[in-house]
């Protein structure tokens, strides 16, 4: 399956990168004990802003898209500094930021999945690349801060939402849909699942061994 790449307007790519940088920096600013300097905040913002795209392009063995323009790095740095300085403001706008984050998650997923298909990858690896493109920035952010990777813990459906969106895109395109229509559908599916998960507190079950499940059943019966 070879597809055209789902293309978004350049300003939208910059906006999604800036939003990721703002979130990464405002998140890092909460950890006062880390004593991050301006360079540290800027670095975390840059990584959170286009880290997923960087990993995506490394997996596809191509020049990272963020390095093909003079705009991405400055926008990510400025957005990161704003995220640090205006942390309380963005905290008050948490609902709006959550919605925009869900939309950008879908955008990164659609771009990553379609780009992988355009490079000739089979469906399953393309879905994997799309998921990594969507959640990679947050993973790198947590690694730089020395924190447990959030996407791997109970309460986060980032990867599940991205996976559902990536599957929708590949299925829709495989059934003959235009790549733009399939990409928009991917964004909608990813956004809705992420927002519903936040609204209703959805999460995957915590890992359990068979012995643990048996013990929990006995305790429930008792």
C-alpha atoms as a PDB file:
ATOM      1  CA  UNK A   1       0.000   0.000   0.000  1.00  0.00           C
ATOM      2  CA  UNK A   2       1.578   3.269  -1.152  1.00  0.00           C
ATOM      3  CA  UNK A   3      -0.193   6.534  -0.339  1.00  0.00           C
ATOM      4  CA  UNK A   4       0.272  10.208  -0.846  1.00  0.00           C
ATOM      5  CA  UNK A   5       1.244  12.039   2.299  1.00  0.00           C
ATOM      6  CA  UNK A   6      -1.456  13.792   4.300  1.00  0.00           C
ATOM      7  CA  UNK A   7      -0.449  17.457   4.001  1.00  0.00           C
ATOM      8  CA  UNK A   8      -1.372  20.171   6.487  1.00  0.00           C
ATOM      9  CA  UNK A   9      -0.890  23.938   6.049  1.00  0.00           C
ATOM     10  CA  UNK A  10       2.544  25.131   7.141  1.00  0.00           C
ATOM     11  CA  UNK A  11       1.073  27.465   9.757  1.00  0.00           C
ATOM     12  CA  UNK A  12      -0.816  24.527  11.290  1.00  0.00           C
ATOM     13  CA  UNK A  13       2.397  22.512  11.550  1.00  0.00           C
ATOM     14  CA  UNK A  14       4.025  25.453  13.345  1.00  0.00           C
ATOM     15  CA  UNK A  15       1.006  25.857  15.639  1.00  0.00           C
ATOM     16  CA  UNK A  16       1.063  22.168  16.594  1.00  0.00           C
ATOM     17  CA  UNK A  17       4.796  22.359  17.263  1.00  0.00           C
ATOM     18  CA  UNK A  18       4.339  25.497  19.356  1.00  0.00           C
ATOM     19  CA  UNK A  19       1.545  23.911  21.377  1.00  0.00           C
ATOM     20  CA  UNK A  20       3.694  20.867  22.100  1.00  0.00           C
ATOM     21  CA  UNK A  21       6.522  23.133  23.213  1.00  0.00           C
ATOM     22  CA  UNK A  22       4.252  25.183  25.469  1.00  0.00           C
ATOM     23  CA  UNK A  23       2.923  22.045  27.115  1.00  0.00           C
ATOM     24  CA  UNK A  24       6.363  20.526  27.543  1.00  0.00           C
ATOM     25  CA  UNK A  25       7.798  23.671  29.117  1.00  0.00           C
ATOM     26  CA  UNK A  26       4.814  24.370  31.385  1.00  0.00           C
ATOM     27  CA  UNK A  27       4.915  20.749  32.521  1.00  0.00           C
ATOM     28  CA  UNK A  28       8.643  20.970  33.261  1.00  0.00           C
ATOM     29  CA  UNK A  29       8.174  24.274  35.098  1.00  0.00           C
ATOM     30  CA  UNK A  30       6.058  22.504  37.722  1.00  0.00           C
ATOM     31  CA  UNK A  31       9.145  20.705  39.022  1.00  0.00           C
ATOM     32  CA  UNK A  32      10.770  23.555  40.931  1.00  0.00           C
ATOM     33  CA  UNK A  33      13.260  21.207  42.589  1.00  0.00           C
ATOM     34  CA  UNK A  34      14.837  20.410  39.202  1.00  0.00           C
ATOM     35  CA  UNK A  35      16.094  24.027  38.940  1.00  0.00           C
ATOM     36  CA  UNK A  36      16.003  24.082  35.163  1.00  0.00           C
ATOM     37  CA  UNK A  37      17.674  27.068  33.501  1.00  0.00           C
ATOM     38  CA  UNK A  38      16.422  28.791  30.354  1.00  0.00           C
ATOM     39  CA  UNK A  39      18.469  26.473  28.148  1.00  0.00           C
ATOM     40  CA  UNK A  40      16.978  23.427  29.850  1.00  0.00           C
ATOM     41  CA  UNK A  41      13.433  24.694  29.417  1.00  0.00           C
ATOM     42  CA  UNK A  42      14.113  25.582  25.792  1.00  0.00           C
ATOM     43  CA  UNK A  43      15.556  22.132  25.107  1.00  0.00           C
ATOM     44  CA  UNK A  44      12.589  20.376  26.688  1.00  0.00           C
ATOM     45  CA  UNK A  45      10.233  22.588  24.679  1.00  0.00           C
ATOM     46  CA  UNK A  46      12.013  21.788  21.420  1.00  0.00           C
ATOM     47  CA  UNK A  47      11.977  18.056  22.166  1.00  0.00           C
ATOM     48  CA  UNK A  48       8.324  18.057  23.202  1.00  0.00           C
ATOM     49  CA  UNK A  49       7.363  20.149  20.178  1.00  0.00           C
ATOM     50  CA  UNK A  50       8.779  18.021  17.392  1.00  0.00           C
ATOM     51  CA  UNK A  51      10.405  15.034  19.072  1.00  0.00           C
ATOM     52  CA  UNK A  52       7.756  12.705  17.663  1.00  0.00           C
ATOM     53  CA  UNK A  53       8.372  13.941  14.131  1.00  0.00           C
ATOM     54  CA  UNK A  54      12.100  13.591  14.663  1.00  0.00           C
ATOM     55  CA  UNK A  55      11.749   9.940  15.697  1.00  0.00           C
ATOM     56  CA  UNK A  56       9.344   9.355  12.802  1.00  0.00           C
ATOM     57  CA  UNK A  57      11.800  10.663  10.224  1.00  0.00           C
ATOM     58  CA  UNK A  58      14.710   8.770  11.770  1.00  0.00           C
ATOM     59  CA  UNK A  59      12.674   5.564  11.478  1.00  0.00           C
ATOM     60  CA  UNK A  60      11.947   6.431   7.841  1.00  0.00           C
ATOM     61  CA  UNK A  61      15.624   7.284   7.219  1.00  0.00           C
ATOM     62  CA  UNK A  62      14.904  10.756   5.907  1.00  0.00           C
ATOM     63  CA  UNK A  63      15.874  14.302   6.836  1.00  0.00           C
ATOM     64  CA  UNK A  64      13.682  15.447   9.768  1.00  0.00           C
ATOM     65  CA  UNK A  65      10.998  17.811   8.516  1.00  0.00           C
ATOM     66  CA  UNK A  66      11.718  20.229  11.385  1.00  0.00           C
ATOM     67  CA  UNK A  67      15.243  20.721  10.019  1.00  0.00           C
ATOM     68  CA  UNK A  68      14.065  21.636   6.535  1.00  0.00           C
ATOM     69  CA  UNK A  69      12.785  25.043   7.619  1.00  0.00           C
ATOM     70  CA  UNK A  70      14.193  27.948   9.611  1.00  0.00           C
ATOM     71  CA  UNK A  71      10.946  28.343  11.532  1.00  0.00           C
ATOM     72  CA  UNK A  72      10.408  25.213  13.619  1.00  0.00           C
ATOM     73  CA  UNK A  73      13.275  25.548  16.105  1.00  0.00           C
ATOM     74  CA  UNK A  74      12.727  29.291  16.863  1.00  0.00           C
ATOM     75  CA  UNK A  75       8.963  28.749  17.246  1.00  0.00           C
ATOM     76  CA  UNK A  76       9.562  25.812  19.585  1.00  0.00           C
ATOM     77  CA  UNK A  77      12.043  27.796  21.717  1.00  0.00           C
ATOM     78  CA  UNK A  78       9.837  30.901  21.974  1.00  0.00           C
ATOM     79  CA  UNK A  79       6.779  28.784  22.777  1.00  0.00           C
ATOM     80  CA  UNK A  80       8.761  26.904  25.437  1.00  0.00           C
ATOM     81  CA  UNK A  81       9.836  30.137  27.121  1.00  0.00           C
ATOM     82  CA  UNK A  82       6.239  31.384  27.063  1.00  0.00           C
ATOM     83  CA  UNK A  83       5.102  28.083  28.558  1.00  0.00           C
ATOM     84  CA  UNK A  84       7.570  28.528  31.407  1.00  0.00           C
ATOM     85  CA  UNK A  85       6.812  32.211  32.077  1.00  0.00           C
ATOM     86  CA  UNK A  86       3.030  31.856  31.762  1.00  0.00           C
ATOM     87  CA  UNK A  87       2.647  28.481  33.465  1.00  0.00           C
ATOM     88  CA  UNK A  88      -0.241  29.642  35.681  1.00  0.00           C
ATOM     89  CA  UNK A  89      -2.085  31.169  32.739  1.00  0.00           C
ATOM     90  CA  UNK A  90      -1.921  27.938  30.733  1.00  0.00           C
ATOM     91  CA  UNK A  91      -3.005  26.012  33.849  1.00  0.00           C
ATOM     92  CA  UNK A  92      -6.189  28.114  33.980  1.00  0.00           C
ATOM     93  CA  UNK A  93      -6.747  27.417  30.276  1.00  0.00           C
ATOM     94  CA  UNK A  94      -6.369  23.690  30.869  1.00  0.00           C
ATOM     95  CA  UNK A  95      -9.600  22.729  29.054  1.00  0.00           C
ATOM     96  CA  UNK A  96      -8.652  24.636  25.907  1.00  0.00           C
ATOM     97  CA  UNK A  97      -5.089  23.318  26.002  1.00  0.00           C
ATOM     98  CA  UNK A  98      -6.394  19.741  26.423  1.00  0.00           C
ATOM     99  CA  UNK A  99      -8.631  20.094  23.347  1.00  0.00           C
ATOM    100  CA  UNK A 100      -5.838  21.579  21.239  1.00  0.00           C
ATOM    101  CA  UNK A 101      -3.459  18.865  22.467  1.00  0.00           C
ATOM    102  CA  UNK A 102      -5.897  16.167  21.367  1.00  0.00           C
ATOM    103  CA  UNK A 103      -6.183  17.767  17.925  1.00  0.00           C
ATOM    104  CA  UNK A 104      -2.394  18.042  17.547  1.00  0.00           C
ATOM    105  CA  UNK A 105      -2.099  14.396  18.638  1.00  0.00           C
ATOM    106  CA  UNK A 106      -4.371  13.467  15.740  1.00  0.00           C
ATOM    107  CA  UNK A 107      -2.456  15.674  13.307  1.00  0.00           C
ATOM    108  CA  UNK A 108       0.903  14.137  14.187  1.00  0.00           C
ATOM    109  CA  UNK A 109      -0.630  10.663  13.946  1.00  0.00           C
ATOM    110  CA  UNK A 110      -2.175  11.334  10.509  1.00  0.00           C
ATOM    111  CA  UNK A 111       1.018  12.871   9.127  1.00  0.00           C
ATOM    112  CA  UNK A 112       3.198  10.090  10.543  1.00  0.00           C
ATOM    113  CA  UNK A 113       1.015   7.237   9.323  1.00  0.00           C
ATOM    114  CA  UNK A 114       0.490   8.649   5.834  1.00  0.00           C
ATOM    115  CA  UNK A 115       4.178   9.519   5.467  1.00  0.00           C
ATOM    116  CA  UNK A 116       5.114   5.956   6.393  1.00  0.00           C
ATOM    117  CA  UNK A 117       2.668   4.620   3.808  1.00  0.00           C
ATOM    118  CA  UNK A 118       4.071   7.050   1.232  1.00  0.00           C
ATOM    119  CA  UNK A 119       7.523   5.602   1.908  1.00  0.00           C
ATOM    120  CA  UNK A 120       6.169   2.159   1.047  1.00  0.00           C
ATOM    121  CA  UNK A 121       5.965   0.662   4.544  1.00  0.00           C
ATOM    122  CA  UNK A 122       3.431  -2.118   5.124  1.00  0.00           C
ATOM    123  CA  UNK A 123       0.287  -1.308   7.093  1.00  0.00           C
ATOM    124  CA  UNK A 124       1.365  -2.518  10.554  1.00  0.00           C
ATOM    125  CA  UNK A 125       4.743  -0.700  10.594  1.00  0.00           C
ATOM    126  CA  UNK A 126       3.009   2.413   9.218  1.00  0.00           C
ATOM    127  CA  UNK A 127       0.552   2.339  12.119  1.00  0.00           C
ATOM    128  CA  UNK A 128       3.484   1.954  14.535  1.00  0.00           C
ATOM    129  CA  UNK A 129       5.253   4.953  13.005  1.00  0.00           C
ATOM    130  CA  UNK A 130       2.058   6.999  13.276  1.00  0.00           C
ATOM    131  CA  UNK A 131       1.704   6.176  16.979  1.00  0.00           C
ATOM    132  CA  UNK A 132       5.346   6.994  17.668  1.00  0.00           C
ATOM    133  CA  UNK A 133       5.027  10.291  15.801  1.00  0.00           C
ATOM    134  CA  UNK A 134       2.030  11.193  17.958  1.00  0.00           C
ATOM    135  CA  UNK A 135       3.440  10.305  21.402  1.00  0.00           C
ATOM    136  CA  UNK A 136       7.208  10.528  20.831  1.00  0.00           C
ATOM    137  CA  UNK A 137       7.552  14.135  21.982  1.00  0.00           C
ATOM    138  CA  UNK A 138       5.974  13.419  25.348  1.00  0.00           C
ATOM    139  CA  UNK A 139       8.102  10.314  25.806  1.00  0.00           C
ATOM    140  CA  UNK A 140      11.327  12.221  25.153  1.00  0.00           C
ATOM    141  CA  UNK A 141      10.163  15.007  27.490  1.00  0.00           C
ATOM    142  CA  UNK A 142       9.681  12.535  30.346  1.00  0.00           C
ATOM    143  CA  UNK A 143      13.070  10.917  29.665  1.00  0.00           C
ATOM    144  CA  UNK A 144      14.843  14.299  29.804  1.00  0.00           C
ATOM    145  CA  UNK A 145      13.097  15.108  33.093  1.00  0.00           C
ATOM    146  CA  UNK A 146      13.986  11.716  34.553  1.00  0.00           C
ATOM    147  CA  UNK A 147      10.310  10.803  35.001  1.00  0.00           C
ATOM    148  CA  UNK A 148       8.397   7.573  34.327  1.00  0.00           C
ATOM    149  CA  UNK A 149       7.158   7.691  30.738  1.00  0.00           C
ATOM    150  CA  UNK A 150       3.544   8.816  31.067  1.00  0.00           C
ATOM    151  CA  UNK A 151       2.241   7.007  27.993  1.00  0.00           C
ATOM    152  CA  UNK A 152       3.157   3.659  29.602  1.00  0.00           C
ATOM    153  CA  UNK A 153       1.147   4.195  32.804  1.00  0.00           C
ATOM    154  CA  UNK A 154      -2.481   3.730  33.809  1.00  0.00           C
ATOM    155  CA  UNK A 155      -4.632   6.747  33.019  1.00  0.00           C
ATOM    156  CA  UNK A 156      -3.129   7.639  29.651  1.00  0.00           C
ATOM    157  CA  UNK A 157      -4.850   6.728  26.403  1.00  0.00           C
ATOM    158  CA  UNK A 158      -2.562   8.786  24.179  1.00  0.00           C
ATOM    159  CA  UNK A 159      -1.170   5.759  22.381  1.00  0.00           C
ATOM    160  CA  UNK A 160      -4.564   4.023  22.208  1.00  0.00           C
ATOM    161  CA  UNK A 161      -6.194   7.115  20.689  1.00  0.00           C
ATOM    162  CA  UNK A 162      -3.352   7.489  18.190  1.00  0.00           C
ATOM    163  CA  UNK A 163      -3.494   3.791  17.362  1.00  0.00           C
ATOM    164  CA  UNK A 164      -7.216   3.978  16.660  1.00  0.00           C
ATOM    165  CA  UNK A 165      -6.689   6.995  14.426  1.00  0.00           C
ATOM    166  CA  UNK A 166      -3.836   5.338  12.540  1.00  0.00           C
ATOM    167  CA  UNK A 167      -5.898   2.184  11.994  1.00  0.00           C
ATOM    168  CA  UNK A 168      -8.809   4.277  10.720  1.00  0.00           C
ATOM    169  CA  UNK A 169      -6.530   6.047   8.236  1.00  0.00           C
ATOM    170  CA  UNK A 170      -5.038   2.842   6.844  1.00  0.00           C
ATOM    171  CA  UNK A 171      -8.413   1.101   6.597  1.00  0.00           C
ATOM    172  CA  UNK A 172     -10.101   4.106   4.971  1.00  0.00           C
ATOM    173  CA  UNK A 173      -7.285   4.548   2.477  1.00  0.00           C
ATOM    174  CA  UNK A 174      -7.206   0.809   1.763  1.00  0.00           C
ATOM    175  CA  UNK A 175     -10.915   0.964   0.919  1.00  0.00           C
ATOM    176  CA  UNK A 176     -10.250   3.655  -1.678  1.00  0.00           C
ATOM    177  CA  UNK A 177     -10.750   6.844   0.304  1.00  0.00           C
ATOM    178  CA  UNK A 178      -8.762   9.948  -0.594  1.00  0.00           C
ATOM    179  CA  UNK A 179      -5.722  10.377   1.689  1.00  0.00           C
ATOM    180  CA  UNK A 180      -6.927  13.830   2.768  1.00  0.00           C
ATOM    181  CA  UNK A 181     -10.331  12.473   3.793  1.00  0.00           C
ATOM    182  CA  UNK A 182      -8.673   9.523   5.551  1.00  0.00           C
ATOM    183  CA  UNK A 183      -6.277  11.886   7.336  1.00  0.00           C
ATOM    184  CA  UNK A 184      -9.080  14.164   8.535  1.00  0.00           C
ATOM    185  CA  UNK A 185     -10.926  11.096   9.779  1.00  0.00           C
ATOM    186  CA  UNK A 186      -7.790  10.023  11.633  1.00  0.00           C
ATOM    187  CA  UNK A 187      -7.611  13.425  13.359  1.00  0.00           C
ATOM    188  CA  UNK A 188     -11.287  13.254  14.341  1.00  0.00           C
ATOM    189  CA  UNK A 189     -11.087   9.692  15.694  1.00  0.00           C
ATOM    190  CA  UNK A 190      -7.904  10.377  17.662  1.00  0.00           C
ATOM    191  CA  UNK A 191      -9.244  13.642  19.078  1.00  0.00           C
ATOM    192  CA  UNK A 192     -12.581  12.180  20.143  1.00  0.00           C
ATOM    193  CA  UNK A 193     -11.069   9.146  21.874  1.00  0.00           C
ATOM    194  CA  UNK A 194      -8.534  11.299  23.725  1.00  0.00           C
ATOM    195  CA  UNK A 195     -11.167  13.834  24.871  1.00  0.00           C
ATOM    196  CA  UNK A 196     -13.627  11.124  25.914  1.00  0.00           C
ATOM    197  CA  UNK A 197     -10.855   9.417  27.874  1.00  0.00           C
ATOM    198  CA  UNK A 198     -10.142  12.670  29.711  1.00  0.00           C
ATOM    199  CA  UNK A 199     -13.839  13.386  30.307  1.00  0.00           C
ATOM    200  CA  UNK A 200     -14.802   9.955  31.621  1.00  0.00           C
ATOM    201  CA  UNK A 201     -11.474   8.851  33.067  1.00  0.00           C
ATOM    202  CA  UNK A 202     -11.003   5.936  30.684  1.00  0.00           C
ATOM    203  CA  UNK A 203      -7.829   3.888  30.986  1.00  0.00           C
ATOM    204  CA  UNK A 204      -6.496   0.466  30.157  1.00  0.00           C
ATOM    205  CA  UNK A 205      -6.547  -2.127  32.967  1.00  0.00           C
ATOM    206  CA  UNK A 206      -3.462  -2.230  35.148  1.00  0.00           C
ATOM    207  CA  UNK A 207      -1.163  -5.181  34.470  1.00  0.00           C
ATOM    208  CA  UNK A 208      -1.913  -8.253  36.590  1.00  0.00           C
ATOM    209  CA  UNK A 209      -0.410 -11.710  36.914  1.00  0.00           C
ATOM    210  CA  UNK A 210      -2.684 -14.750  37.036  1.00  0.00           C
ATOM    211  CA  UNK A 211      -1.905 -15.231  40.742  1.00  0.00           C
ATOM    212  CA  UNK A 212      -2.830 -11.606  41.451  1.00  0.00           C
ATOM    213  CA  UNK A 213      -6.146 -11.976  39.632  1.00  0.00           C
ATOM    214  CA  UNK A 214      -6.958 -15.095  41.641  1.00  0.00           C
ATOM    215  CA  UNK A 215      -6.149 -13.323  44.902  1.00  0.00           C
ATOM    216  CA  UNK A 216      -8.355 -10.372  43.962  1.00  0.00           C
ATOM    217  CA  UNK A 217     -11.237 -12.736  43.133  1.00  0.00           C
ATOM    218  CA  UNK A 218     -10.869 -14.487  46.516  1.00  0.00           C
ATOM    219  CA  UNK A 219     -10.830 -11.123  48.309  1.00  0.00           C
ATOM    220  CA  UNK A 220     -13.976 -10.040  46.435  1.00  0.00           C
ATOM    221  CA  UNK A 221     -15.797 -13.256  47.378  1.00  0.00           C
ATOM    222  CA  UNK A 222     -14.737 -12.877  50.999  1.00  0.00           C
END
